[in-house]
Amino acid sequence: MDIVMKELFGSDIGLLSLFTIGFIIAMAIWLVFWYKRKINRNE
């Protein structure tokens, strides 16, 4: 597990993967709130 964390936080491709995962999670949260607001506005 130590090797995995070192690769994730220590290499360029690991940091890019971490950024991508974070961006996808943030985008999913934003979409959920955006759709909820759209649904509530149309009712």
C-alpha atoms as a PDB file:
ATOM      1  CA  MET A   1       0.000   0.000   0.000  1.00  0.00           C
ATOM      2  CA  ASP A   2       2.939   2.322   0.670  1.00  0.00           C
ATOM      3  CA  ILE A   3       4.137   1.915  -2.929  1.00  0.00           C
ATOM      4  CA  VAL A   4       0.693   2.803  -4.262  1.00  0.00           C
ATOM      5  CA  MET A   5       0.490   6.004  -2.200  1.00  0.00           C
ATOM      6  CA  LYS A   6       4.043   6.977  -3.171  1.00  0.00           C
ATOM      7  CA  GLU A   7       3.183   6.488  -6.842  1.00  0.00           C
ATOM      8  CA  LEU A   8      -0.124   8.366  -6.505  1.00  0.00           C
ATOM      9  CA  PHE A   9       1.290  11.429  -4.753  1.00  0.00           C
ATOM     10  CA  GLY A  10       4.856  11.358  -6.046  1.00  0.00           C
ATOM     11  CA  SER A  11       4.617  11.013  -9.812  1.00  0.00           C
ATOM     12  CA  ASP A  12       3.166  13.253 -12.476  1.00  0.00           C
ATOM     13  CA  ILE A  13       0.707  10.643 -13.749  1.00  0.00           C
ATOM     14  CA  GLY A  14      -0.412   9.897 -10.187  1.00  0.00           C
ATOM     15  CA  LEU A  15      -1.148  13.552  -9.491  1.00  0.00           C
ATOM     16  CA  LEU A  16      -2.998  13.846 -12.787  1.00  0.00           C
ATOM     17  CA  SER A  17      -5.095  10.801 -11.859  1.00  0.00           C
ATOM     18  CA  LEU A  18      -5.835  12.289  -8.455  1.00  0.00           C
ATOM     19  CA  PHE A  19      -6.892  15.578 -10.047  1.00  0.00           C
ATOM     20  CA  THR A  20      -9.132  13.725 -12.526  1.00  0.00           C
ATOM     21  CA  ILE A  21     -10.842  11.726  -9.786  1.00  0.00           C
ATOM     22  CA  GLY A  22     -11.400  14.876  -7.720  1.00  0.00           C
ATOM     23  CA  PHE A  23     -12.757  16.781 -10.720  1.00  0.00           C
ATOM     24  CA  ILE A  24     -15.240  14.010 -11.573  1.00  0.00           C
ATOM     25  CA  ILE A  25     -16.504  13.863  -7.970  1.00  0.00           C
ATOM     26  CA  ALA A  26     -16.870  17.662  -7.799  1.00  0.00           C
ATOM     27  CA  MET A  27     -18.676  17.724 -11.153  1.00  0.00           C
ATOM     28  CA  ALA A  28     -21.092  15.005 -10.003  1.00  0.00           C
ATOM     29  CA  ILE A  29     -21.916  16.956  -6.830  1.00  0.00           C
ATOM     30  CA  TRP A  30     -22.456  20.150  -8.836  1.00  0.00           C
ATOM     31  CA  LEU A  31     -24.738  18.342 -11.328  1.00  0.00           C
ATOM     32  CA  VAL A  32     -26.872  16.880  -8.537  1.00  0.00           C
ATOM     33  CA  PHE A  33     -27.463  20.316  -7.003  1.00  0.00           C
ATOM     34  CA  TRP A  34     -28.055  21.902 -10.416  1.00  0.00           C
ATOM     35  CA  TYR A  35     -30.649  19.274 -11.428  1.00  0.00           C
ATOM     36  CA  LYS A  36     -32.395  19.523  -8.054  1.00  0.00           C
ATOM     37  CA  ARG A  37     -32.656  23.305  -8.472  1.00  0.00           C
ATOM     38  CA  LYS A  38     -34.013  22.916 -12.026  1.00  0.00           C
ATOM     39  CA  ILE A  39     -36.605  20.348 -10.917  1.00  0.00           C
ATOM     40  CA  ASN A  40     -37.785  22.497  -7.997  1.00  0.00           C
ATOM     41  CA  ARG A  41     -38.073  25.569 -10.208  1.00  0.00           C
ATOM     42  CA  ASN A  42     -40.325  23.805 -12.737  1.00  0.00           C
ATOM     43  CA  GLU A  43     -42.809  22.442 -10.208  1.00  0.00           C
END
